[in-house]
Amino acid sequence: MNENNAPIPSLRDRQEGASRSEVRSAVRVRLRKSGRIVDCDSNGLVLRQGEQVVVDDRREIGIGTVTAAAGTKLVRARVLRRAEARDVARAEQEQTREAEALNYARGRARALGLPIKLFRVDLGQTGERATFSFSCEQRVDFRALVRDLAAYLHARVEMRQVGVRDESKLTGGIGSCGRELCCATYLARFAAVSIKMAKHQRLVLNQTKIGGQCGRLKCCLVYEDDLYVEMSKGLPKAGKKVETPEGMGRVDDLDVLGGRVRVSFAERAPMFFAASEVRLLAAEPNGAKTPTPQPRDLPPRDLPPSDTEDGGSEDDEGEGPTI
């Protein structure tokens, strides 16, 4: 049987390798209009992977494609029925109308000299109300634009301004990891992200590396931050003077997940030591600082650069700007 037409197997069947196909009470559906993936109550229907269904996800009623079986926790959407040919045709017509309305709105905004970025329009099922989503860095008077759009669409027009993160969530895209954006697939809300989280994970403080499609810090910096903070508690900070089995040196870099410390010496190449093998020396008298030894003939580094590179500073222990 074709894989795309095969019934979605239950978790028990997949684990036991049973040949009998069984459908879970909940399925995962990718909405056609927004691209979001939602877990839906199958409403007693025996659905197959790749089948199109009409879904009510409490935000809208639209068409989606069944992708896989899903768990039954926090299922808030519901499959109404299988999508019929008229449902698909209606969705295609609505998509065409929205594209035409968006192109017209962008043209009118340029003609009126409005510095706004229109990126989405929702005409709804009845077409009596049109909601335009836009982003803008300043306050603008778009009353003239609303009048033009209302006359063109013969509908009540609502302008909704959103931030750059919400724009990425609504438009979607592919992240630097090669997967779809987290905000466009499963993130229900945005968590506060700070530059200190990138420092905890020893990442290069470069906007192209730690910035997302929205231009702000990546949401995924939050995922492992607590783990890095917890595992860093037993490690000395970079730049601190320590005593090792090979003599005294200064901490050059950290392998947080491996629990290792790289120490630089004055007369030899840097070496790695387990955190239990190094001892932090007491502060030097009168607050004097011993110059950091300059290693000679250093081998290529096999760890990410420390947060003192790329314009960072070890003394910068503040939370940094919250994005």
Protein backbone atom coordinates (compact mmCIF):
# COMPACT_ATOMS: atom_id res chain seq x y z
CA MET A 1 0.00 0.00 0.00
CA ASN A 2 1.24 3.47 -0.79
CA GLU A 3 2.73 5.16 2.27
CA ASN A 4 0.73 8.33 1.67
CA ASN A 5 -2.51 6.36 1.65
CA ALA A 6 -1.76 4.12 4.61
CA PRO A 7 -3.81 4.55 7.81
CA ILE A 8 -1.97 6.32 10.62
CA PRO A 9 -0.69 3.58 13.00
CA SER A 10 -1.10 3.78 16.76
CA LEU A 11 1.93 4.10 19.00
CA ARG A 12 1.47 0.55 20.32
CA ASP A 13 1.30 -0.86 16.79
CA ARG A 14 4.50 0.96 15.84
CA GLN A 15 6.30 -0.33 18.92
CA GLU A 16 5.17 -3.94 18.51
CA GLY A 17 5.56 -3.89 14.74
CA ALA A 18 2.04 -5.17 14.25
CA SER A 19 0.68 -5.30 10.73
CA ARG A 20 -2.80 -4.23 11.79
CA SER A 21 -3.40 -0.49 11.18
CA GLU A 22 -5.17 1.52 13.86
CA VAL A 23 -5.94 5.23 14.06
CA ARG A 24 -5.47 7.33 17.18
CA SER A 25 -8.26 9.57 18.46
CA ALA A 26 -6.16 12.64 17.62
CA VAL A 27 -4.30 13.52 14.44
CA ARG A 28 -1.76 16.17 13.52
CA VAL A 29 -2.90 18.50 10.74
CA ARG A 30 -0.98 21.15 8.81
CA LEU A 31 -3.29 24.06 8.03
CA ARG A 32 -3.18 25.04 4.39
CA LYS A 33 -3.58 28.78 4.87
CA SER A 34 -1.17 29.59 7.68
CA GLY A 35 1.08 26.53 7.55
CA ARG A 36 0.65 25.94 11.29
CA ILE A 37 0.61 22.39 12.62
CA VAL A 38 -2.14 21.65 15.13
CA ASP A 39 -3.26 18.54 17.00
CA CYS A 40 -6.93 17.86 16.30
CA ASP A 41 -9.61 15.59 17.63
CA SER A 42 -10.38 13.25 14.73
CA ASN A 43 -14.09 13.40 15.61
CA GLY A 44 -14.38 9.64 15.25
CA LEU A 45 -13.17 9.65 11.65
CA VAL A 46 -10.68 7.06 10.38
CA LEU A 47 -8.22 9.39 8.65
CA ARG A 48 -5.25 8.58 6.48
CA GLN A 49 -1.96 10.41 6.10
CA GLY A 50 -2.15 12.99 3.32
CA GLU A 51 -5.94 13.28 3.49
CA GLN A 52 -7.43 16.79 3.44
CA VAL A 53 -9.86 17.74 6.18
CA VAL A 54 -11.84 20.76 7.36
CA VAL A 55 -10.56 21.90 10.77
CA ASP A 56 -11.88 24.25 13.42
CA ASP A 57 -8.90 25.38 15.54
CA ARG A 58 -10.78 28.10 17.47
CA ARG A 59 -9.06 30.76 15.36
CA GLU A 60 -10.51 29.90 11.98
CA ILE A 61 -12.19 27.17 10.00
CA GLY A 62 -10.00 26.04 7.17
CA ILE A 63 -8.57 23.16 5.21
CA GLY A 64 -5.57 21.17 6.38
CA THR A 65 -3.63 18.02 5.54
CA VAL A 66 -3.29 15.10 7.94
CA THR A 67 0.41 14.50 8.59
CA ALA A 68 0.63 12.01 11.47
CA ALA A 69 -0.97 10.63 14.58
CA ALA A 70 -0.86 12.89 17.64
CA GLY A 71 -1.14 12.68 21.39
CA THR A 72 -4.37 13.46 23.17
CA LYS A 73 -3.03 16.13 25.55
CA LEU A 74 -4.01 19.76 25.00
CA VAL A 75 -6.01 18.99 21.86
CA ARG A 76 -7.99 22.17 21.24
CA ALA A 77 -8.78 21.86 17.54
CA ARG A 78 -11.35 19.57 15.96
CA VAL A 79 -11.78 17.94 12.58
CA LEU A 80 -15.23 18.81 11.26
CA ARG A 81 -15.25 16.55 8.20
CA ARG A 82 -13.24 15.40 5.25
CA ALA A 83 -12.62 18.15 2.72
CA GLU A 84 -14.77 17.91 -0.38
CA ALA A 85 -14.04 19.25 -3.85
CA ARG A 86 -16.13 22.35 -3.18
CA ASP A 87 -14.14 23.05 0.00
CA VAL A 88 -10.86 22.90 -1.91
CA ALA A 89 -12.22 25.09 -4.70
CA ARG A 90 -13.52 27.65 -2.19
CA ALA A 91 -10.15 27.74 -0.42
CA GLU A 92 -8.34 28.32 -3.72
CA GLN A 93 -10.71 31.14 -4.64
CA GLU A 94 -10.24 32.74 -1.22
CA GLN A 95 -6.46 32.49 -1.56
CA THR A 96 -6.60 34.18 -4.98
CA ARG A 97 -8.80 36.99 -3.64
CA GLU A 98 -6.47 37.56 -0.70
CA ALA A 99 -3.42 37.73 -2.97
CA GLU A 100 -5.16 40.30 -5.19
CA ALA A 101 -6.26 42.34 -2.17
CA LEU A 102 -2.74 42.30 -0.72
CA ASN A 103 -1.18 43.43 -4.02
CA TYR A 104 -3.72 46.26 -4.29
CA ALA A 105 -3.09 47.34 -0.69
CA ARG A 106 0.67 47.41 -1.22
CA GLY A 107 0.23 49.51 -4.34
CA ARG A 108 -2.03 52.01 -2.58
CA ALA A 109 0.39 52.23 0.39
CA ARG A 110 3.23 53.12 -1.98
CA ALA A 111 1.08 55.66 -3.80
CA LEU A 112 0.15 57.31 -0.49
CA GLY A 113 3.76 57.28 0.70
CA LEU A 114 3.06 55.20 3.79
CA PRO A 115 6.19 53.56 5.31
CA ILE A 116 4.39 50.34 6.26
CA LYS A 117 5.02 46.72 5.31
CA LEU A 118 1.85 44.82 4.48
CA PHE A 119 2.42 41.08 4.53
CA ARG A 120 -0.92 39.34 5.12
CA VAL A 121 -4.66 39.78 4.67
CA ASP A 122 -7.49 37.66 6.00
CA LEU A 123 -10.82 38.10 4.23
CA GLY A 124 -12.68 35.57 6.36
CA GLN A 125 -15.32 33.15 5.18
CA THR A 126 -18.06 35.70 4.53
CA GLY A 127 -15.84 38.41 3.04
CA GLU A 128 -17.60 41.08 5.07
CA ARG A 129 -14.45 41.97 7.00
CA ALA A 130 -10.84 42.22 5.82
CA THR A 131 -7.98 42.23 8.33
CA PHE A 132 -4.65 43.50 7.06
CA SER A 133 -1.52 42.71 9.09
CA PHE A 134 1.39 45.12 8.78
CA SER A 135 4.59 46.17 10.52
CA CYS A 136 5.89 49.71 10.86
CA GLU A 137 8.63 51.40 12.86
CA GLN A 138 6.73 54.65 13.37
CA ARG A 139 3.22 55.99 13.80
CA VAL A 140 1.40 56.60 10.53
CA ASP A 141 -2.00 57.89 9.51
CA PHE A 142 -3.51 55.20 7.27
CA ARG A 143 -7.09 56.43 7.22
CA ALA A 144 -6.85 57.23 3.51
CA LEU A 145 -5.60 53.70 2.86
CA VAL A 146 -8.48 52.19 4.83
CA ARG A 147 -11.01 54.20 2.79
CA ASP A 148 -9.46 53.03 -0.48
CA LEU A 149 -9.40 49.39 0.65
CA ALA A 150 -12.98 49.50 1.91
CA ALA A 151 -14.17 50.90 -1.44
CA TYR A 152 -12.18 48.27 -3.35
CA LEU A 153 -13.23 45.25 -1.27
CA HIS A 154 -16.73 46.43 -0.27
CA ALA A 155 -15.96 45.24 3.23
CA ARG A 156 -15.08 46.58 6.64
CA VAL A 157 -11.29 46.98 6.83
CA GLU A 158 -9.25 46.48 9.98
CA MET A 159 -5.52 47.29 10.18
CA ARG A 160 -3.54 45.22 12.68
CA GLN A 161 0.02 46.24 13.51
CA VAL A 162 2.34 43.48 14.72
CA GLY A 163 5.98 43.23 15.72
CA VAL A 164 8.78 41.64 13.74
CA ARG A 165 8.51 38.39 15.69
CA ASP A 166 4.80 38.13 15.00
CA GLU A 167 5.50 38.85 11.35
CA SER A 168 7.81 35.86 11.12
CA LYS A 169 5.23 33.75 12.97
CA LEU A 170 2.53 34.67 10.46
CA THR A 171 4.61 34.40 7.30
CA GLY A 172 6.68 31.36 8.29
CA GLY A 173 9.95 30.25 6.73
CA ILE A 174 13.00 28.03 7.14
CA GLY A 175 15.51 28.69 9.91
CA SER A 176 19.29 28.32 9.79
CA CYS A 177 18.87 24.81 11.24
CA GLY A 178 17.05 23.74 8.08
CA ARG A 179 13.71 23.23 9.81
CA GLU A 180 10.58 25.34 9.78
CA LEU A 181 10.52 28.26 12.18
CA CYS A 182 9.58 27.29 15.72
CA CYS A 183 7.26 30.29 16.04
CA ALA A 184 5.36 29.31 12.89
CA THR A 185 4.86 25.68 13.92
CA TYR A 186 4.38 25.06 17.62
CA LEU A 187 5.38 28.01 19.82
CA ALA A 188 2.24 29.36 21.46
CA ARG A 189 3.93 32.46 22.91
CA PHE A 190 7.30 34.20 22.75
CA ALA A 191 9.69 33.89 25.68
CA ALA A 192 12.09 36.68 26.64
CA VAL A 193 15.54 36.12 25.11
CA SER A 194 18.70 37.95 26.23
CA ILE A 195 22.28 38.12 25.01
CA LYS A 196 23.37 36.52 28.29
CA MET A 197 21.84 33.23 27.14
CA ALA A 198 24.21 33.20 24.17
CA LYS A 199 27.12 33.83 26.55
CA HIS A 200 26.07 30.92 28.74
CA GLN A 201 26.24 28.63 25.70
CA ARG A 202 29.64 29.97 24.60
CA LEU A 203 28.29 31.14 21.25
CA VAL A 204 29.92 33.64 18.94
CA LEU A 205 28.24 36.99 19.56
CA ASN A 206 27.54 37.59 15.91
CA GLN A 207 24.10 38.68 14.72
CA THR A 208 24.24 36.36 11.72
CA LYS A 209 24.86 33.41 14.05
CA ILE A 210 22.48 34.08 16.93
CA GLY A 211 19.83 36.16 15.12
CA GLY A 212 16.69 34.66 13.65
CA GLN A 213 14.72 35.46 10.52
CA CYS A 214 12.94 38.26 12.40
CA GLY A 215 16.25 39.98 13.14
CA ARG A 216 15.94 39.34 16.88
CA LEU A 217 17.74 36.75 19.00
CA LYS A 218 16.74 33.17 18.18
CA CYS A 219 13.99 31.69 20.32
CA CYS A 220 15.94 28.43 20.58
CA LEU A 221 18.53 30.14 22.80
CA VAL A 222 16.01 29.67 25.61
CA TYR A 223 15.68 25.91 25.22
CA GLU A 224 18.99 24.83 26.82
CA ASP A 225 19.83 27.92 28.84
CA ASP A 226 18.83 26.39 32.20
CA LEU A 227 20.97 23.31 31.50
CA TYR A 228 24.05 25.40 30.65
CA VAL A 229 23.59 27.55 33.76
CA GLU A 230 23.31 24.47 35.97
CA MET A 231 26.32 22.70 34.44
CA SER A 232 28.46 25.86 34.59
CA LYS A 233 28.20 26.15 38.38
CA GLY A 234 31.26 23.96 39.02
CA LEU A 235 33.43 25.55 36.32
CA PRO A 236 35.77 28.55 36.75
CA LYS A 237 35.21 31.58 34.56
CA ALA A 238 37.40 32.34 31.58
CA GLY A 239 40.43 34.43 32.50
CA LYS A 240 40.69 33.12 36.07
CA LYS A 241 44.03 31.85 37.41
CA VAL A 242 43.95 28.16 38.33
CA GLU A 243 46.27 25.43 39.52
CA THR A 244 46.37 22.21 37.50
CA PRO A 245 48.36 18.95 37.63
CA GLU A 246 50.64 20.54 35.02
CA GLY A 247 51.19 23.79 36.89
CA MET A 248 49.54 27.17 37.14
CA GLY A 249 47.77 28.81 34.22
CA ARG A 250 44.71 30.75 33.22
CA VAL A 251 41.37 29.47 32.01
CA ASP A 252 41.19 30.00 28.26
CA ASP A 253 37.88 28.35 27.38
CA LEU A 254 35.19 26.05 28.72
CA ASP A 255 33.52 22.88 27.51
CA VAL A 256 30.38 23.24 29.59
CA LEU A 257 28.59 20.07 28.49
CA GLY A 258 31.78 18.00 28.78
CA GLY A 259 32.67 19.49 32.17
CA ARG A 260 36.17 20.39 30.94
CA VAL A 261 38.38 23.46 31.21
CA ARG A 262 41.02 24.57 28.72
CA VAL A 263 43.99 26.18 30.46
CA SER A 264 46.73 28.27 28.83
CA PHE A 265 50.31 28.11 30.11
CA ALA A 266 53.26 30.42 29.59
CA GLU A 267 55.69 27.81 28.28
CA ARG A 268 53.51 25.18 26.65
CA ALA A 269 50.42 24.74 24.53
CA PRO A 270 46.99 24.87 26.24
CA MET A 271 45.62 21.67 27.73
CA PHE A 272 42.20 20.35 28.73
CA PHE A 273 41.45 19.29 32.29
CA ALA A 274 38.38 17.95 34.01
CA ALA A 275 36.74 20.46 36.32
CA SER A 276 37.74 18.34 39.33
CA GLU A 277 41.44 18.59 38.35
CA VAL A 278 41.70 22.37 38.53
CA ARG A 279 41.67 24.58 41.61
CA LEU A 280 40.81 28.26 41.53
CA LEU A 281 43.55 30.35 43.12
CA ALA A 282 42.79 33.15 45.55
CA ALA A 283 42.64 36.73 44.28
CA GLU A 284 46.03 38.41 43.97
CA PRO A 285 46.95 41.04 46.61
CA ASN A 286 46.04 44.71 46.07
CA GLY A 287 43.77 43.75 43.21
CA ALA A 288 46.77 43.32 40.89
CA LYS A 289 46.26 41.29 37.77
CA THR A 290 48.87 38.97 36.39
CA PRO A 291 49.12 39.24 32.59
CA THR A 292 47.55 36.31 30.83
CA PRO A 293 50.27 33.96 29.49
CA GLN A 294 50.63 34.05 25.75
CA PRO A 295 50.75 30.44 24.49
CA ARG A 296 53.09 29.64 21.66
CA ASP A 297 52.39 27.34 18.73
CA LEU A 298 48.72 26.94 19.61
CA PRO A 299 46.91 24.12 17.80
CA PRO A 300 43.60 24.91 16.08
CA ARG A 301 40.79 25.48 18.58
CA ASP A 302 38.18 22.76 18.73
CA LEU A 303 35.72 24.74 20.86
CA PRO A 304 33.56 27.76 20.02
CA PRO A 305 35.30 31.07 20.75
CA SER A 306 34.75 32.55 24.19
CA ASP A 307 32.33 35.38 24.79
CA THR A 308 35.24 37.81 25.09
CA GLU A 309 35.70 37.61 21.33
CA ASP A 310 33.66 39.30 18.68
CA GLY A 311 33.23 42.49 20.68
CA GLY A 312 32.03 40.83 23.90
CA SER A 313 33.37 41.52 27.36
CA GLU A 314 33.77 39.19 30.33
CA ASP A 315 32.80 42.02 32.64
CA ASP A 316 29.47 42.35 30.88
CA GLU A 317 27.44 40.18 33.21
CA GLY A 318 24.17 42.08 32.81
CA GLU A 319 21.11 40.51 31.36
CA GLY A 320 21.58 42.48 28.19
CA PRO A 321 18.71 43.77 26.10
CA THR A 322 15.62 41.65 26.31
CA ILE A 323 14.27 41.00 22.85
